[in-house]
Amino acid sequence: MANPPRLLPPVVELSLDEQIALAELQVIARDARIRRRTDALVQRVKHDAIRHAGGGALIGLVTVGLTWWLNRQSRKHAAAQPQPAAARAEPPHTFEHLFRDASITLAGLLPMLWPMLPRAWRRVVTPGTASTVLTFLAPLLGRLFRRRQRQASST
C-alpha cells in the first residue's frame, strides 16, 4: 500500500507589525522568566546565609572559649612550677607539629575530599567553615595533647 501524500499546512506570511508584536511578546516572556529565576536565587542565598550564619558564630565562640581555657591552664601550670632565670627554651612537642601539619594537609586536601563527605554534612557545613575549623582547632588540639604529655612526665 502506498502512503497517502501528506499535505503541508499553508504557510501564513505574517505582516511586519505582527512579527514585531510576536518578538516583543517573546522578549517580555523571557524577561519575566529571568526575573523569576533571579528572585528565586536571591531568596535561596538569603535563606542559606541565615542558616549558616549561626554555625559560624557558634564555631567562633567555641574557638575563643577553647583558647581562653588553654591559656588559663597555661597560667596555672606556670605559677605552680617556677622556672629558673636561665631556663632554655623547650622545643614544641611532637604532637603539636603533627596536628599543625595535619591541619595544613587536610585544609589543602579539603577541595578533593569535600565530594566524598556525606551529603548531610555538606548541606550543613560549608567548605569555608570546615577549612577554618581544621586550621584553628588542629593546633589547639596539639597544644592540649602537649600539656597532657608534660603532666604525665612531671609526675
N, C-alpha and C. Protein backbone atom coordinates (compact mmCIF):
# COMPACT_ATOMS: atom_id res chain seq x y z
N MET A 1 0.82 -1.16 0.00
CA MET A 1 0.00 0.00 0.00
C MET A 1 0.87 1.23 0.00
N ALA A 2 0.48 2.12 -0.72
CA ALA A 2 1.22 3.38 -0.82
C ALA A 2 0.73 4.33 0.25
N ASN A 3 1.66 5.07 0.75
CA ASN A 3 1.31 6.08 1.77
C ASN A 3 0.55 7.22 1.10
N PRO A 4 -0.48 7.69 1.76
CA PRO A 4 -1.19 8.83 1.17
C PRO A 4 -0.28 10.06 1.20
N PRO A 5 -0.36 10.91 0.24
CA PRO A 5 0.51 12.09 0.24
C PRO A 5 0.14 13.02 1.40
N ARG A 6 1.20 13.56 2.03
CA ARG A 6 0.98 14.47 3.16
C ARG A 6 0.73 15.86 2.61
N LEU A 7 -0.20 16.46 3.22
CA LEU A 7 -0.50 17.84 2.86
C LEU A 7 0.15 18.76 3.88
N LEU A 8 0.95 19.66 3.41
CA LEU A 8 1.60 20.62 4.29
C LEU A 8 0.62 21.74 4.62
N PRO A 9 0.66 22.20 5.87
CA PRO A 9 -0.23 23.31 6.19
C PRO A 9 0.19 24.54 5.40
N PRO A 10 -0.75 25.34 5.07
CA PRO A 10 -0.40 26.52 4.29
C PRO A 10 0.48 27.46 5.10
N VAL A 11 1.49 28.00 4.47
CA VAL A 11 2.41 28.94 5.12
C VAL A 11 1.73 30.29 5.16
N VAL A 12 1.62 30.79 6.39
CA VAL A 12 0.96 32.09 6.56
C VAL A 12 2.04 33.13 6.72
N GLU A 13 2.05 34.05 5.89
CA GLU A 13 3.00 35.15 5.97
C GLU A 13 2.45 36.18 6.94
N LEU A 14 3.25 36.46 7.98
CA LEU A 14 2.83 37.48 8.94
C LEU A 14 3.32 38.83 8.44
N SER A 15 2.55 39.82 8.73
CA SER A 15 2.99 41.16 8.34
C SER A 15 4.11 41.59 9.28
N LEU A 16 4.80 42.63 8.94
CA LEU A 16 5.93 43.13 9.73
C LEU A 16 5.47 43.54 11.12
N ASP A 17 4.32 44.17 11.23
CA ASP A 17 3.80 44.58 12.53
C ASP A 17 3.49 43.36 13.40
N GLU A 18 2.95 42.31 12.83
CA GLU A 18 2.64 41.09 13.58
C GLU A 18 3.93 40.39 14.03
N GLN A 19 4.96 40.39 13.18
CA GLN A 19 6.24 39.78 13.55
C GLN A 19 6.88 40.56 14.71
N ILE A 20 6.81 41.88 14.66
CA ILE A 20 7.38 42.71 15.73
C ILE A 20 6.62 42.46 17.03
N ALA A 21 5.30 42.40 16.97
CA ALA A 21 4.49 42.16 18.17
C ALA A 21 4.81 40.79 18.76
N LEU A 22 4.98 39.77 17.93
CA LEU A 22 5.32 38.43 18.40
C LEU A 22 6.71 38.42 19.06
N ALA A 23 7.67 39.11 18.45
CA ALA A 23 9.01 39.20 19.03
C ALA A 23 8.98 39.92 20.37
N GLU A 24 8.19 40.97 20.48
CA GLU A 24 8.09 41.69 21.75
C GLU A 24 7.49 40.82 22.84
N LEU A 25 6.49 40.02 22.50
CA LEU A 25 5.89 39.11 23.49
C LEU A 25 6.90 38.07 23.96
N GLN A 26 7.73 37.59 23.04
CA GLN A 26 8.76 36.63 23.43
C GLN A 26 9.80 37.27 24.35
N VAL A 27 10.18 38.52 24.07
CA VAL A 27 11.14 39.23 24.92
C VAL A 27 10.55 39.46 26.31
N ILE A 28 9.28 39.85 26.36
CA ILE A 28 8.61 40.08 27.65
C ILE A 28 8.55 38.78 28.45
N ALA A 29 8.23 37.67 27.80
CA ALA A 29 8.18 36.37 28.48
C ALA A 29 9.56 35.97 28.99
N ARG A 30 10.60 36.23 28.18
CA ARG A 30 11.96 35.90 28.61
C ARG A 30 12.37 36.74 29.81
N ASP A 31 12.05 38.04 29.80
CA ASP A 31 12.38 38.91 30.93
C ASP A 31 11.66 38.46 32.20
N ALA A 32 10.41 38.06 32.08
CA ALA A 32 9.67 37.58 33.25
C ALA A 32 10.29 36.30 33.79
N ARG A 33 10.73 35.43 32.90
CA ARG A 33 11.37 34.18 33.32
C ARG A 33 12.70 34.46 34.03
N ILE A 34 13.47 35.39 33.51
CA ILE A 34 14.75 35.76 34.14
C ILE A 34 14.49 36.38 35.51
N ARG A 35 13.48 37.23 35.61
CA ARG A 35 13.15 37.87 36.87
C ARG A 35 12.74 36.83 37.92
N ARG A 36 11.93 35.85 37.53
CA ARG A 36 11.52 34.79 38.46
C ARG A 36 12.71 33.98 38.95
N ARG A 37 13.59 33.61 38.03
CA ARG A 37 14.77 32.82 38.41
C ARG A 37 15.70 33.63 39.33
N THR A 38 15.87 34.91 39.03
CA THR A 38 16.73 35.76 39.86
C THR A 38 16.15 35.91 41.25
N ASP A 39 14.83 36.13 41.34
CA ASP A 39 14.21 36.24 42.66
C ASP A 39 14.34 34.95 43.46
N ALA A 40 14.19 33.82 42.80
CA ALA A 40 14.34 32.54 43.48
C ALA A 40 15.78 32.35 43.97
N LEU A 41 16.75 32.75 43.16
CA LEU A 41 18.16 32.63 43.54
C LEU A 41 18.46 33.53 44.74
N VAL A 42 17.96 34.76 44.72
CA VAL A 42 18.19 35.69 45.83
C VAL A 42 17.58 35.14 47.12
N GLN A 43 16.38 34.61 47.05
CA GLN A 43 15.74 34.04 48.24
C GLN A 43 16.52 32.86 48.78
N ARG A 44 17.03 32.02 47.89
CA ARG A 44 17.80 30.85 48.33
C ARG A 44 19.12 31.27 48.98
N VAL A 45 19.78 32.28 48.42
CA VAL A 45 21.04 32.75 49.00
C VAL A 45 20.78 33.36 50.37
N LYS A 46 19.73 34.16 50.51
CA LYS A 46 19.40 34.75 51.81
C LYS A 46 19.10 33.67 52.83
N HIS A 47 18.34 32.67 52.44
CA HIS A 47 17.99 31.59 53.35
C HIS A 47 19.23 30.82 53.78
N ASP A 48 20.11 30.49 52.84
CA ASP A 48 21.32 29.74 53.18
C ASP A 48 22.27 30.56 54.02
N ALA A 49 22.38 31.86 53.75
CA ALA A 49 23.27 32.71 54.53
C ALA A 49 22.80 32.80 55.98
N ILE A 50 21.51 32.93 56.17
CA ILE A 50 20.98 32.99 57.53
C ILE A 50 21.15 31.64 58.22
N ARG A 51 20.93 30.56 57.50
CA ARG A 51 21.05 29.23 58.08
C ARG A 51 22.48 28.92 58.52
N HIS A 52 23.46 29.35 57.72
CA HIS A 52 24.86 29.05 58.04
C HIS A 52 25.50 30.08 58.97
N ALA A 53 24.89 31.23 59.16
CA ALA A 53 25.49 32.26 60.00
C ALA A 53 25.59 31.80 61.44
N GLY A 54 24.59 31.12 61.93
CA GLY A 54 24.62 30.65 63.32
C GLY A 54 25.73 29.66 63.56
N GLY A 55 25.97 28.78 62.61
CA GLY A 55 27.04 27.80 62.78
C GLY A 55 28.41 28.45 62.85
N GLY A 56 28.63 29.46 62.00
CA GLY A 56 29.92 30.15 62.02
C GLY A 56 30.14 30.90 63.33
N ALA A 57 29.10 31.54 63.83
CA ALA A 57 29.21 32.25 65.11
C ALA A 57 29.46 31.27 66.25
N LEU A 58 28.79 30.14 66.21
CA LEU A 58 28.99 29.13 67.25
C LEU A 58 30.42 28.58 67.22
N ILE A 59 30.93 28.31 66.04
CA ILE A 59 32.31 27.82 65.92
C ILE A 59 33.29 28.86 66.43
N GLY A 60 33.03 30.12 66.12
CA GLY A 60 33.90 31.20 66.61
C GLY A 60 33.89 31.28 68.12
N LEU A 61 32.71 31.18 68.73
CA LEU A 61 32.62 31.24 70.19
C LEU A 61 33.31 30.04 70.84
N VAL A 62 33.14 28.87 70.26
CA VAL A 62 33.80 27.67 70.81
C VAL A 62 35.32 27.81 70.70
N THR A 63 35.80 28.34 69.59
CA THR A 63 37.25 28.52 69.41
C THR A 63 37.80 29.51 70.42
N VAL A 64 37.09 30.62 70.61
CA VAL A 64 37.54 31.62 71.60
C VAL A 64 37.52 31.01 72.99
N GLY A 65 36.46 30.28 73.33
CA GLY A 65 36.39 29.64 74.65
C GLY A 65 37.49 28.63 74.86
N LEU A 66 37.78 27.82 73.86
CA LEU A 66 38.84 26.82 73.99
C LEU A 66 40.20 27.49 74.12
N THR A 67 40.44 28.55 73.39
CA THR A 67 41.70 29.28 73.50
C THR A 67 41.85 29.89 74.88
N TRP A 68 40.78 30.50 75.38
CA TRP A 68 40.81 31.08 76.72
C TRP A 68 41.10 30.00 77.76
N TRP A 69 40.45 28.85 77.63
CA TRP A 69 40.65 27.77 78.59
C TRP A 69 42.09 27.25 78.55
N LEU A 70 42.64 27.09 77.35
CA LEU A 70 44.03 26.61 77.25
C LEU A 70 45.00 27.63 77.84
N ASN A 71 44.79 28.92 77.61
CA ASN A 71 45.66 29.94 78.21
C ASN A 71 45.51 29.96 79.72
N ARG A 72 44.32 29.74 80.21
CA ARG A 72 44.09 29.70 81.65
C ARG A 72 44.83 28.52 82.26
N GLN A 73 44.78 27.37 81.59
CA GLN A 73 45.51 26.20 82.06
C GLN A 73 47.02 26.46 82.04
N SER A 74 47.46 27.20 81.05
CA SER A 74 48.88 27.52 80.93
C SER A 74 49.35 28.35 82.12
N ARG A 75 48.55 29.31 82.53
CA ARG A 75 48.92 30.16 83.68
C ARG A 75 48.95 29.36 84.97
N LYS A 76 48.04 28.42 85.12
CA LYS A 76 48.03 27.60 86.34
C LYS A 76 49.30 26.78 86.45
N HIS A 77 49.72 26.17 85.35
CA HIS A 77 50.92 25.33 85.38
C HIS A 77 52.19 26.17 85.51
N ALA A 78 52.21 27.36 84.97
CA ALA A 78 53.38 28.22 85.06
C ALA A 78 53.56 28.71 86.49
N ALA A 79 52.48 29.02 87.21
CA ALA A 79 52.58 29.50 88.59
C ALA A 79 53.00 28.37 89.52
N ALA A 80 52.59 27.16 89.27
CA ALA A 80 52.92 26.03 90.12
C ALA A 80 54.37 25.61 89.96
N GLN A 81 54.99 25.83 88.81
CA GLN A 81 56.36 25.42 88.55
C GLN A 81 57.19 26.65 88.20
N PRO A 82 57.83 27.30 89.17
CA PRO A 82 58.67 28.46 88.85
C PRO A 82 59.88 28.00 88.04
N GLN A 83 60.17 28.76 87.00
CA GLN A 83 61.29 28.39 86.13
C GLN A 83 62.51 29.22 86.51
N PRO A 84 63.70 28.62 86.43
CA PRO A 84 64.91 29.40 86.73
C PRO A 84 65.11 30.49 85.70
N ALA A 85 65.91 31.50 86.07
CA ALA A 85 66.11 32.66 85.20
C ALA A 85 66.78 32.28 83.89
N ALA A 86 67.70 31.36 83.92
CA ALA A 86 68.43 30.99 82.71
C ALA A 86 67.87 29.70 82.10
N ALA A 87 66.57 29.59 82.08
CA ALA A 87 65.97 28.37 81.52
C ALA A 87 66.07 28.41 80.00
N ARG A 88 66.40 27.27 79.44
CA ARG A 88 66.49 27.21 77.98
C ARG A 88 65.11 26.95 77.41
N ALA A 89 64.89 27.42 76.21
CA ALA A 89 63.59 27.27 75.56
C ALA A 89 63.38 25.81 75.17
N GLU A 90 62.21 25.30 75.54
CA GLU A 90 61.89 23.92 75.23
C GLU A 90 61.26 23.85 73.85
N PRO A 91 61.75 22.95 72.99
CA PRO A 91 61.14 22.86 71.66
C PRO A 91 59.70 22.35 71.76
N PRO A 92 58.86 22.71 70.82
CA PRO A 92 57.47 22.22 70.85
C PRO A 92 57.43 20.70 70.80
N HIS A 93 56.43 20.17 71.42
CA HIS A 93 56.28 18.72 71.47
C HIS A 93 55.88 18.19 70.10
N THR A 94 56.14 16.92 69.87
CA THR A 94 55.87 16.29 68.57
C THR A 94 54.40 16.38 68.20
N PHE A 95 53.51 16.20 69.17
CA PHE A 95 52.09 16.21 68.86
C PHE A 95 51.66 17.55 68.27
N GLU A 96 52.26 18.64 68.77
CA GLU A 96 51.88 19.95 68.25
C GLU A 96 52.24 20.06 66.77
N HIS A 97 53.42 19.58 66.39
CA HIS A 97 53.82 19.61 64.99
C HIS A 97 52.93 18.70 64.14
N LEU A 98 52.61 17.53 64.67
CA LEU A 98 51.76 16.61 63.91
C LEU A 98 50.39 17.21 63.65
N PHE A 99 49.79 17.79 64.67
CA PHE A 99 48.46 18.37 64.48
C PHE A 99 48.50 19.58 63.56
N ARG A 100 49.55 20.40 63.69
CA ARG A 100 49.65 21.56 62.81
C ARG A 100 49.84 21.11 61.37
N ASP A 101 50.71 20.14 61.14
CA ASP A 101 50.91 19.63 59.78
C ASP A 101 49.66 18.95 59.24
N ALA A 102 48.96 18.22 60.11
CA ALA A 102 47.73 17.55 59.68
C ALA A 102 46.67 18.57 59.29
N SER A 103 46.58 19.67 60.03
CA SER A 103 45.56 20.67 59.69
C SER A 103 45.87 21.32 58.36
N ILE A 104 47.14 21.61 58.10
CA ILE A 104 47.51 22.22 56.82
C ILE A 104 47.25 21.24 55.68
N THR A 105 47.61 19.98 55.89
CA THR A 105 47.39 18.98 54.84
C THR A 105 45.91 18.76 54.58
N LEU A 106 45.11 18.62 55.62
CA LEU A 106 43.68 18.41 55.44
C LEU A 106 43.00 19.64 54.84
N ALA A 107 43.44 20.82 55.24
CA ALA A 107 42.85 22.03 54.66
C ALA A 107 43.17 22.11 53.17
N GLY A 108 44.36 21.67 52.77
CA GLY A 108 44.72 21.66 51.36
C GLY A 108 43.99 20.59 50.57
N LEU A 109 43.72 19.47 51.23
CA LEU A 109 43.03 18.36 50.56
C LEU A 109 41.50 18.49 50.62
N LEU A 110 41.01 19.47 51.37
CA LEU A 110 39.58 19.61 51.55
C LEU A 110 38.80 19.72 50.24
N PRO A 111 39.27 20.47 49.23
CA PRO A 111 38.51 20.51 47.97
C PRO A 111 38.37 19.14 47.31
N MET A 112 39.36 18.27 47.48
CA MET A 112 39.25 16.94 46.89
C MET A 112 38.41 16.00 47.76
N LEU A 113 38.46 16.20 49.08
CA LEU A 113 37.73 15.33 49.99
C LEU A 113 36.26 15.74 50.14
N TRP A 114 35.94 16.99 49.81
CA TRP A 114 34.59 17.50 50.04
C TRP A 114 33.50 16.66 49.36
N PRO A 115 33.65 16.28 48.08
CA PRO A 115 32.58 15.48 47.47
C PRO A 115 32.40 14.10 48.10
N MET A 116 33.40 13.61 48.82
CA MET A 116 33.31 12.29 49.44
C MET A 116 32.60 12.31 50.79
N LEU A 117 32.42 13.48 51.36
CA LEU A 117 31.74 13.58 52.65
C LEU A 117 30.26 13.26 52.49
N PRO A 118 29.62 12.82 53.54
CA PRO A 118 28.18 12.54 53.46
C PRO A 118 27.39 13.80 53.08
N ARG A 119 26.34 13.61 52.34
CA ARG A 119 25.53 14.73 51.85
C ARG A 119 24.96 15.55 53.00
N ALA A 120 24.59 14.91 54.09
CA ALA A 120 24.03 15.64 55.23
C ALA A 120 25.05 16.62 55.80
N TRP A 121 26.32 16.24 55.85
CA TRP A 121 27.36 17.15 56.34
C TRP A 121 27.56 18.30 55.37
N ARG A 122 27.57 17.98 54.07
CA ARG A 122 27.79 19.02 53.07
C ARG A 122 26.66 20.04 53.05
N ARG A 123 25.44 19.62 53.41
CA ARG A 123 24.33 20.57 53.44
C ARG A 123 24.44 21.52 54.61
N VAL A 124 24.99 21.06 55.73
CA VAL A 124 25.04 21.87 56.95
C VAL A 124 26.32 22.70 57.03
N VAL A 125 27.45 22.10 56.67
CA VAL A 125 28.75 22.76 56.82
C VAL A 125 29.25 23.19 55.45
N THR A 126 29.71 24.42 55.35
CA THR A 126 30.27 24.91 54.09
C THR A 126 31.76 24.55 54.04
N PRO A 127 32.36 24.51 52.85
CA PRO A 127 33.80 24.22 52.77
C PRO A 127 34.65 25.26 53.51
N GLY A 128 34.23 26.50 53.48
CA GLY A 128 34.98 27.54 54.20
C GLY A 128 34.96 27.31 55.70
N THR A 129 33.82 26.92 56.23
CA THR A 129 33.72 26.63 57.66
C THR A 129 34.58 25.43 58.02
N ALA A 130 34.53 24.39 57.23
CA ALA A 130 35.33 23.20 57.50
C ALA A 130 36.83 23.52 57.47
N SER A 131 37.25 24.31 56.52
CA SER A 131 38.65 24.70 56.42
C SER A 131 39.06 25.53 57.63
N THR A 132 38.20 26.45 58.06
CA THR A 132 38.51 27.28 59.23
C THR A 132 38.62 26.43 60.48
N VAL A 133 37.71 25.49 60.64
CA VAL A 133 37.75 24.62 61.81
C VAL A 133 39.05 23.81 61.82
N LEU A 134 39.41 23.24 60.69
CA LEU A 134 40.66 22.46 60.64
C LEU A 134 41.88 23.32 60.93
N THR A 135 41.90 24.52 60.39
CA THR A 135 43.07 25.38 60.55
C THR A 135 43.23 25.87 61.98
N PHE A 136 42.12 26.19 62.65
CA PHE A 136 42.22 26.73 64.01
C PHE A 136 42.25 25.66 65.09
N LEU A 137 41.44 24.63 64.96
CA LEU A 137 41.32 23.68 66.05
C LEU A 137 42.44 22.64 66.09
N ALA A 138 43.04 22.30 64.97
CA ALA A 138 44.09 21.28 65.00
C ALA A 138 45.30 21.72 65.83
N PRO A 139 45.83 22.95 65.68
CA PRO A 139 46.94 23.35 66.57
C PRO A 139 46.52 23.44 68.04
N LEU A 140 45.25 23.83 68.29
CA LEU A 140 44.79 23.87 69.68
C LEU A 140 44.74 22.47 70.28
N LEU A 141 44.32 21.50 69.50
CA LEU A 141 44.33 20.12 69.98
C LEU A 141 45.76 19.65 70.21
N GLY A 142 46.68 20.07 69.36
CA GLY A 142 48.09 19.74 69.56
C GLY A 142 48.61 20.28 70.88
N ARG A 143 48.23 21.53 71.20
CA ARG A 143 48.64 22.11 72.48
C ARG A 143 48.02 21.35 73.64
N LEU A 144 46.78 20.94 73.47
CA LEU A 144 46.11 20.20 74.53
C LEU A 144 46.82 18.88 74.79
N PHE A 145 47.20 18.16 73.75
CA PHE A 145 47.91 16.90 73.94
C PHE A 145 49.32 17.12 74.48
N ARG A 146 49.94 18.23 74.12
CA ARG A 146 51.27 18.53 74.64
C ARG A 146 51.21 18.73 76.15
N ARG A 147 50.20 19.42 76.61
CA ARG A 147 50.07 19.65 78.04
C ARG A 147 49.86 18.33 78.79
N ARG A 148 49.08 17.45 78.27
CA ARG A 148 48.86 16.16 78.93
C ARG A 148 50.16 15.37 79.00
N GLN A 149 50.97 15.45 77.96
CA GLN A 149 52.24 14.73 77.93
C GLN A 149 53.16 15.29 79.01
N ARG A 150 53.23 16.63 79.18
CA ARG A 150 54.08 17.24 80.20
C ARG A 150 53.62 16.84 81.60
N GLN A 151 52.31 16.84 81.81
CA GLN A 151 51.81 16.47 83.12
C GLN A 151 52.18 15.05 83.48
N ALA A 152 52.09 14.17 82.51
CA ALA A 152 52.44 12.76 82.76
C ALA A 152 53.93 12.61 83.03
N SER A 153 54.77 13.38 82.35
CA SER A 153 56.22 13.23 82.56
C SER A 153 56.69 13.90 83.82
N SER A 154 55.95 14.93 84.35
CA SER A 154 56.39 15.62 85.54
C SER A 154 56.00 14.88 86.81
N THR A 155 55.05 13.96 86.73
CA THR A 155 54.62 13.23 87.95
C THR A 155 55.37 11.96 88.14
